[in-house]
Amino acid sequence: MIDKIAWIHVADGRVLVARSRGKDKFYLPGGKREPGEADVETLVREVREELAVEILPSTAKPAGTFEGQAHGHAEGTVVRTTAYMADFAGTPSASSEIEEIAWLTYADRPRVSLVAQLIFDHLHAAGLLSD
């Protein structure tokens, strides 16, 4: 089981995603927690590292937990992603290991990892993600 924390940021019916260097699929910004780190601490650190913005911890709200096949791992390797919505300060830009950021709609669902596809389904069903 791979345990990840992710940030969902939706604007104008599109969700912000990132693609790591050398990867073929987009992911929601975030990553794995370090030992002893709480969810929101992981969220703040990972989003700062990937997108050079500051998550405002007091605004973080749980958006769901999603499980599925881990992209690029052996069949049966499951990733559990706990997602949060939160306000932030700054302008998102690719940094660290991120090669590209993008704003995707539901039509772009095939361009994201399997677990991100579940999150796209959730956002679309809630009326937050445009076709």
N, C-alpha and C. Protein backbone atom coordinates (compact mmCIF):
# COMPACT_ATOMS: atom_id res chain seq x y z
N MET A 1 0.85 -1.19 0.00
CA MET A 1 0.00 0.00 0.00
C MET A 1 0.89 1.24 0.00
N ILE A 2 0.65 2.10 -0.96
CA ILE A 2 1.34 3.39 -1.02
C ILE A 2 0.37 4.44 -0.50
N ASP A 3 0.80 5.19 0.50
CA ASP A 3 -0.05 6.19 1.16
C ASP A 3 0.35 7.58 0.68
N LYS A 4 -0.58 8.29 0.03
CA LYS A 4 -0.28 9.61 -0.51
C LYS A 4 -1.31 10.64 -0.04
N ILE A 5 -0.87 11.88 -0.06
CA ILE A 5 -1.72 13.03 0.22
C ILE A 5 -1.76 13.87 -1.05
N ALA A 6 -2.94 14.39 -1.42
CA ALA A 6 -3.05 15.16 -2.66
C ALA A 6 -3.87 16.42 -2.44
N TRP A 7 -3.56 17.43 -3.26
CA TRP A 7 -4.28 18.70 -3.24
C TRP A 7 -5.17 18.78 -4.47
N ILE A 8 -6.44 19.06 -4.23
CA ILE A 8 -7.39 19.30 -5.32
C ILE A 8 -7.63 20.80 -5.39
N HIS A 9 -7.27 21.38 -6.53
CA HIS A 9 -7.54 22.80 -6.76
C HIS A 9 -8.30 22.92 -8.08
N VAL A 10 -9.58 23.32 -7.96
CA VAL A 10 -10.45 23.45 -9.13
C VAL A 10 -10.76 24.92 -9.35
N ALA A 11 -10.65 25.36 -10.60
CA ALA A 11 -11.02 26.72 -10.98
C ALA A 11 -11.66 26.67 -12.37
N ASP A 12 -12.79 27.31 -12.51
CA ASP A 12 -13.49 27.38 -13.80
C ASP A 12 -13.71 26.00 -14.42
N GLY A 13 -14.04 25.02 -13.60
CA GLY A 13 -14.34 23.69 -14.09
C GLY A 13 -13.14 22.86 -14.51
N ARG A 14 -11.94 23.34 -14.16
CA ARG A 14 -10.71 22.61 -14.49
C ARG A 14 -9.94 22.35 -13.21
N VAL A 15 -9.19 21.25 -13.18
CA VAL A 15 -8.41 20.91 -12.00
C VAL A 15 -6.91 21.01 -12.34
N LEU A 16 -6.16 21.52 -11.37
CA LEU A 16 -4.72 21.68 -11.53
C LEU A 16 -4.03 20.33 -11.30
N VAL A 17 -3.19 19.94 -12.26
CA VAL A 17 -2.45 18.68 -12.16
C VAL A 17 -0.99 18.92 -12.49
N ALA A 18 -0.16 17.95 -12.15
CA ALA A 18 1.27 18.04 -12.40
C ALA A 18 1.76 16.73 -13.01
N ARG A 19 2.83 16.84 -13.80
CA ARG A 19 3.46 15.64 -14.37
C ARG A 19 4.94 15.67 -13.99
N SER A 20 5.37 14.61 -13.33
CA SER A 20 6.77 14.50 -12.91
C SER A 20 7.67 14.23 -14.11
N ARG A 21 8.92 14.63 -13.99
CA ARG A 21 9.89 14.39 -15.07
C ARG A 21 9.96 12.90 -15.40
N GLY A 22 9.91 12.60 -16.69
CA GLY A 22 10.03 11.22 -17.14
C GLY A 22 8.76 10.39 -17.01
N LYS A 23 7.68 10.98 -16.54
CA LYS A 23 6.41 10.24 -16.39
C LYS A 23 5.48 10.58 -17.56
N ASP A 24 4.55 9.67 -17.84
CA ASP A 24 3.63 9.88 -18.94
C ASP A 24 2.23 10.30 -18.52
N LYS A 25 1.95 10.28 -17.23
CA LYS A 25 0.62 10.64 -16.74
C LYS A 25 0.71 11.81 -15.77
N PHE A 26 -0.37 12.57 -15.72
CA PHE A 26 -0.49 13.65 -14.75
C PHE A 26 -1.04 13.10 -13.43
N TYR A 27 -0.71 13.79 -12.35
CA TYR A 27 -1.16 13.44 -11.00
C TYR A 27 -1.68 14.71 -10.35
N LEU A 28 -2.43 14.53 -9.27
CA LEU A 28 -2.77 15.68 -8.44
C LEU A 28 -1.53 16.02 -7.62
N PRO A 29 -1.23 17.29 -7.44
CA PRO A 29 -0.06 17.66 -6.65
C PRO A 29 -0.12 17.05 -5.25
N GLY A 30 1.02 16.64 -4.75
CA GLY A 30 1.10 16.03 -3.42
C GLY A 30 2.14 14.93 -3.42
N GLY A 31 2.07 14.07 -2.41
CA GLY A 31 3.05 13.00 -2.35
C GLY A 31 2.98 12.22 -1.05
N LYS A 32 4.04 11.48 -0.79
CA LYS A 32 4.10 10.61 0.38
C LYS A 32 4.51 11.39 1.62
N ARG A 33 3.93 10.97 2.73
CA ARG A 33 4.27 11.62 4.00
C ARG A 33 5.62 11.15 4.51
N GLU A 34 6.29 12.01 5.25
CA GLU A 34 7.52 11.63 5.93
C GLU A 34 7.15 11.09 7.31
N PRO A 35 8.02 10.30 7.95
CA PRO A 35 7.69 9.71 9.26
C PRO A 35 7.23 10.78 10.26
N GLY A 36 6.10 10.50 10.90
CA GLY A 36 5.57 11.38 11.93
C GLY A 36 4.81 12.59 11.41
N GLU A 37 4.70 12.73 10.10
CA GLU A 37 4.06 13.89 9.50
C GLU A 37 2.54 13.69 9.43
N ALA A 38 1.79 14.72 9.81
CA ALA A 38 0.33 14.70 9.69
C ALA A 38 -0.05 15.01 8.23
N ASP A 39 -1.30 14.69 7.87
CA ASP A 39 -1.77 14.91 6.50
C ASP A 39 -1.50 16.33 6.01
N VAL A 40 -1.93 17.32 6.77
CA VAL A 40 -1.82 18.70 6.31
C VAL A 40 -0.36 19.14 6.24
N GLU A 41 0.48 18.64 7.12
CA GLU A 41 1.92 18.94 7.03
C GLU A 41 2.49 18.40 5.73
N THR A 42 2.10 17.19 5.37
CA THR A 42 2.54 16.59 4.11
C THR A 42 2.03 17.42 2.93
N LEU A 43 0.77 17.80 2.99
CA LEU A 43 0.17 18.60 1.93
C LEU A 43 0.95 19.90 1.71
N VAL A 44 1.20 20.62 2.79
CA VAL A 44 1.92 21.90 2.70
C VAL A 44 3.32 21.69 2.11
N ARG A 45 4.06 20.71 2.62
CA ARG A 45 5.43 20.47 2.17
C ARG A 45 5.47 20.05 0.71
N GLU A 46 4.66 19.07 0.35
CA GLU A 46 4.71 18.54 -1.01
C GLU A 46 4.28 19.57 -2.05
N VAL A 47 3.22 20.32 -1.77
CA VAL A 47 2.76 21.31 -2.73
C VAL A 47 3.78 22.44 -2.87
N ARG A 48 4.41 22.82 -1.78
CA ARG A 48 5.48 23.83 -1.84
C ARG A 48 6.62 23.32 -2.72
N GLU A 49 7.03 22.07 -2.53
CA GLU A 49 8.13 21.50 -3.31
C GLU A 49 7.79 21.39 -4.79
N GLU A 50 6.55 21.02 -5.10
CA GLU A 50 6.18 20.76 -6.49
C GLU A 50 5.74 22.01 -7.26
N LEU A 51 5.00 22.90 -6.59
CA LEU A 51 4.36 24.02 -7.30
C LEU A 51 4.77 25.40 -6.81
N ALA A 52 5.63 25.47 -5.79
CA ALA A 52 6.13 26.74 -5.27
C ALA A 52 5.01 27.66 -4.77
N VAL A 53 3.96 27.09 -4.19
CA VAL A 53 2.91 27.87 -3.54
C VAL A 53 2.78 27.41 -2.09
N GLU A 54 2.18 28.26 -1.27
CA GLU A 54 1.98 27.95 0.14
C GLU A 54 0.52 27.62 0.42
N ILE A 55 0.27 26.38 0.78
CA ILE A 55 -1.06 25.98 1.22
C ILE A 55 -1.33 26.67 2.56
N LEU A 56 -2.54 27.19 2.73
CA LEU A 56 -2.93 27.82 3.99
C LEU A 56 -3.57 26.72 4.85
N PRO A 57 -2.81 26.18 5.82
CA PRO A 57 -3.24 25.00 6.58
C PRO A 57 -4.63 25.11 7.20
N SER A 58 -5.00 26.28 7.69
CA SER A 58 -6.30 26.42 8.36
C SER A 58 -7.48 26.28 7.40
N THR A 59 -7.21 26.31 6.09
CA THR A 59 -8.29 26.20 5.11
C THR A 59 -8.43 24.77 4.55
N ALA A 60 -7.53 23.87 4.92
CA ALA A 60 -7.55 22.50 4.37
C ALA A 60 -8.79 21.75 4.82
N LYS A 61 -9.52 21.22 3.85
CA LYS A 61 -10.74 20.45 4.11
C LYS A 61 -10.64 19.11 3.38
N PRO A 62 -10.93 18.00 4.08
CA PRO A 62 -10.89 16.68 3.43
C PRO A 62 -11.86 16.62 2.24
N ALA A 63 -11.39 16.02 1.15
CA ALA A 63 -12.22 15.90 -0.05
C ALA A 63 -12.46 14.44 -0.43
N GLY A 64 -11.94 13.52 0.37
CA GLY A 64 -12.16 12.10 0.11
C GLY A 64 -10.88 11.30 0.10
N THR A 65 -11.04 9.98 0.22
CA THR A 65 -9.93 9.04 0.14
C THR A 65 -10.23 8.10 -1.02
N PHE A 66 -9.25 7.90 -1.87
CA PHE A 66 -9.44 7.15 -3.11
C PHE A 66 -8.34 6.10 -3.20
N GLU A 67 -8.72 4.87 -3.62
CA GLU A 67 -7.75 3.78 -3.73
C GLU A 67 -7.83 3.16 -5.10
N GLY A 68 -6.66 2.78 -5.64
CA GLY A 68 -6.63 2.10 -6.92
C GLY A 68 -5.23 1.63 -7.24
N GLN A 69 -5.10 1.00 -8.39
CA GLN A 69 -3.81 0.51 -8.88
C GLN A 69 -2.83 1.67 -8.98
N ALA A 70 -1.64 1.47 -8.44
CA ALA A 70 -0.59 2.50 -8.51
C ALA A 70 0.00 2.53 -9.91
N HIS A 71 -0.03 3.70 -10.53
CA HIS A 71 0.50 3.87 -11.89
C HIS A 71 2.01 3.60 -11.91
N GLY A 72 2.43 2.75 -12.86
CA GLY A 72 3.85 2.47 -13.01
C GLY A 72 4.41 1.46 -12.03
N HIS A 73 3.53 0.82 -11.25
CA HIS A 73 3.97 -0.19 -10.28
C HIS A 73 3.40 -1.55 -10.68
N ALA A 74 3.91 -2.60 -10.05
CA ALA A 74 3.45 -3.96 -10.34
C ALA A 74 1.95 -4.09 -10.09
N GLU A 75 1.31 -4.90 -10.90
CA GLU A 75 -0.12 -5.16 -10.75
C GLU A 75 -0.41 -5.58 -9.30
N GLY A 76 -1.44 -5.00 -8.71
CA GLY A 76 -1.79 -5.30 -7.33
C GLY A 76 -1.21 -4.33 -6.32
N THR A 77 -0.32 -3.43 -6.77
CA THR A 77 0.20 -2.40 -5.87
C THR A 77 -0.84 -1.29 -5.79
N VAL A 78 -1.36 -1.09 -4.61
CA VAL A 78 -2.45 -0.14 -4.40
C VAL A 78 -1.92 1.17 -3.84
N VAL A 79 -2.46 2.27 -4.34
CA VAL A 79 -2.17 3.57 -3.77
C VAL A 79 -3.45 4.10 -3.13
N ARG A 80 -3.30 4.58 -1.91
CA ARG A 80 -4.41 5.23 -1.20
C ARG A 80 -4.08 6.72 -1.16
N THR A 81 -4.94 7.51 -1.79
CA THR A 81 -4.74 8.96 -1.84
C THR A 81 -5.80 9.64 -1.00
N THR A 82 -5.36 10.36 0.02
CA THR A 82 -6.24 11.18 0.83
C THR A 82 -6.14 12.59 0.27
N ALA A 83 -7.25 13.10 -0.23
CA ALA A 83 -7.24 14.37 -0.93
C ALA A 83 -7.85 15.48 -0.08
N TYR A 84 -7.31 16.67 -0.27
CA TYR A 84 -7.76 17.87 0.44
C TYR A 84 -7.95 19.01 -0.54
N MET A 85 -8.90 19.86 -0.24
CA MET A 85 -9.03 21.14 -0.91
C MET A 85 -8.53 22.17 0.08
N ALA A 86 -7.84 23.20 -0.42
CA ALA A 86 -7.28 24.22 0.46
C ALA A 86 -6.96 25.48 -0.33
N ASP A 87 -7.05 26.62 0.34
CA ASP A 87 -6.62 27.88 -0.26
C ASP A 87 -5.10 27.93 -0.24
N PHE A 88 -4.55 28.85 -1.02
CA PHE A 88 -3.09 28.94 -1.11
C PHE A 88 -2.68 30.37 -1.42
N ALA A 89 -1.41 30.62 -1.23
CA ALA A 89 -0.81 31.90 -1.59
C ALA A 89 0.27 31.65 -2.63
N GLY A 90 0.32 32.50 -3.65
CA GLY A 90 1.33 32.37 -4.69
C GLY A 90 0.71 31.99 -6.02
N THR A 91 1.58 31.78 -6.99
CA THR A 91 1.17 31.39 -8.34
C THR A 91 1.79 30.04 -8.65
N PRO A 92 0.96 29.01 -8.91
CA PRO A 92 1.52 27.69 -9.19
C PRO A 92 2.48 27.70 -10.38
N SER A 93 3.63 27.09 -10.18
CA SER A 93 4.60 26.92 -11.26
C SER A 93 5.36 25.63 -11.02
N ALA A 94 5.77 24.99 -12.10
CA ALA A 94 6.49 23.72 -11.99
C ALA A 94 7.85 23.95 -11.36
N SER A 95 8.15 23.18 -10.34
CA SER A 95 9.46 23.26 -9.70
C SER A 95 9.89 21.86 -9.29
N SER A 96 11.07 21.75 -8.72
CA SER A 96 11.57 20.47 -8.23
C SER A 96 11.52 19.41 -9.33
N GLU A 97 10.83 18.32 -9.06
CA GLU A 97 10.79 17.19 -9.99
C GLU A 97 9.66 17.31 -11.01
N ILE A 98 8.94 18.41 -11.01
CA ILE A 98 7.79 18.58 -11.90
C ILE A 98 8.22 19.12 -13.26
N GLU A 99 7.82 18.42 -14.32
CA GLU A 99 8.15 18.85 -15.67
C GLU A 99 7.09 19.77 -16.24
N GLU A 100 5.83 19.53 -15.85
CA GLU A 100 4.73 20.28 -16.48
C GLU A 100 3.54 20.34 -15.53
N ILE A 101 2.86 21.49 -15.52
CA ILE A 101 1.57 21.57 -14.85
C ILE A 101 0.53 21.88 -15.91
N ALA A 102 -0.72 21.52 -15.63
CA ALA A 102 -1.79 21.74 -16.60
C ALA A 102 -3.12 21.87 -15.86
N TRP A 103 -4.07 22.48 -16.53
CA TRP A 103 -5.44 22.59 -16.04
C TRP A 103 -6.29 21.70 -16.92
N LEU A 104 -6.84 20.62 -16.35
CA LEU A 104 -7.56 19.63 -17.15
C LEU A 104 -9.04 19.58 -16.80
N THR A 105 -9.84 19.19 -17.80
CA THR A 105 -11.27 18.98 -17.61
C THR A 105 -11.53 17.47 -17.59
N TYR A 106 -12.79 17.10 -17.43
CA TYR A 106 -13.14 15.69 -17.39
C TYR A 106 -12.77 14.98 -18.70
N ALA A 107 -12.82 15.69 -19.81
CA ALA A 107 -12.46 15.11 -21.10
C ALA A 107 -11.00 14.64 -21.13
N ASP A 108 -10.18 15.22 -20.26
CA ASP A 108 -8.76 14.86 -20.19
C ASP A 108 -8.49 13.67 -19.26
N ARG A 109 -9.52 13.06 -18.75
CA ARG A 109 -9.39 11.97 -17.77
C ARG A 109 -8.36 10.92 -18.16
N PRO A 110 -8.27 10.49 -19.44
CA PRO A 110 -7.27 9.47 -19.80
C PRO A 110 -5.82 9.92 -19.61
N ARG A 111 -5.59 11.21 -19.45
CA ARG A 111 -4.22 11.74 -19.32
C ARG A 111 -3.68 11.65 -17.89
N VAL A 112 -4.53 11.22 -16.94
CA VAL A 112 -4.12 11.18 -15.54
C VAL A 112 -4.00 9.74 -15.03
N SER A 113 -3.33 9.59 -13.89
CA SER A 113 -3.14 8.27 -13.28
C SER A 113 -4.48 7.64 -12.92
N LEU A 114 -4.47 6.35 -12.64
CA LEU A 114 -5.72 5.63 -12.35
C LEU A 114 -6.44 6.19 -11.13
N VAL A 115 -5.71 6.49 -10.07
CA VAL A 115 -6.36 7.04 -8.88
C VAL A 115 -6.86 8.45 -9.16
N ALA A 116 -6.10 9.23 -9.92
CA ALA A 116 -6.57 10.57 -10.30
C ALA A 116 -7.84 10.47 -11.13
N GLN A 117 -7.99 9.40 -11.93
CA GLN A 117 -9.22 9.22 -12.69
C GLN A 117 -10.42 9.06 -11.76
N LEU A 118 -10.23 8.34 -10.64
CA LEU A 118 -11.31 8.20 -9.66
C LEU A 118 -11.67 9.56 -9.06
N ILE A 119 -10.66 10.37 -8.82
CA ILE A 119 -10.90 11.71 -8.27
C ILE A 119 -11.60 12.58 -9.32
N PHE A 120 -11.20 12.47 -10.58
CA PHE A 120 -11.89 13.19 -11.65
C PHE A 120 -13.37 12.79 -11.68
N ASP A 121 -13.64 11.48 -11.56
CA ASP A 121 -15.04 11.00 -11.54
C ASP A 121 -15.81 11.65 -10.40
N HIS A 122 -15.21 11.70 -9.23
CA HIS A 122 -15.82 12.29 -8.03
C HIS A 122 -16.12 13.79 -8.28
N LEU A 123 -15.14 14.50 -8.80
CA LEU A 123 -15.31 15.94 -9.04
C LEU A 123 -16.36 16.20 -10.12
N HIS A 124 -16.39 15.37 -11.14
CA HIS A 124 -17.36 15.52 -12.22
C HIS A 124 -18.78 15.26 -11.70
N ALA A 125 -18.93 14.19 -10.92
CA ALA A 125 -20.25 13.85 -10.34
C ALA A 125 -20.75 14.97 -9.42
N ALA A 126 -19.82 15.66 -8.75
CA ALA A 126 -20.19 16.76 -7.85
C ALA A 126 -20.43 18.07 -8.61
N GLY A 127 -20.26 18.05 -9.93
CA GLY A 127 -20.49 19.23 -10.73
C GLY A 127 -19.36 20.25 -10.68
N LEU A 128 -18.17 19.83 -10.21
CA LEU A 128 -17.05 20.74 -10.11
C LEU A 128 -16.13 20.74 -11.32
N LEU A 129 -16.16 19.66 -12.09
CA LEU A 129 -15.25 19.49 -13.22
C LEU A 129 -16.04 19.51 -14.52
N SER A 130 -15.66 20.40 -15.43
CA SER A 130 -16.34 20.53 -16.72
C SER A 130 -16.10 19.32 -17.61
N ASP A 131 -17.06 19.11 -18.52
CA ASP A 131 -16.89 18.05 -19.52
C ASP A 131 -15.78 18.44 -20.43
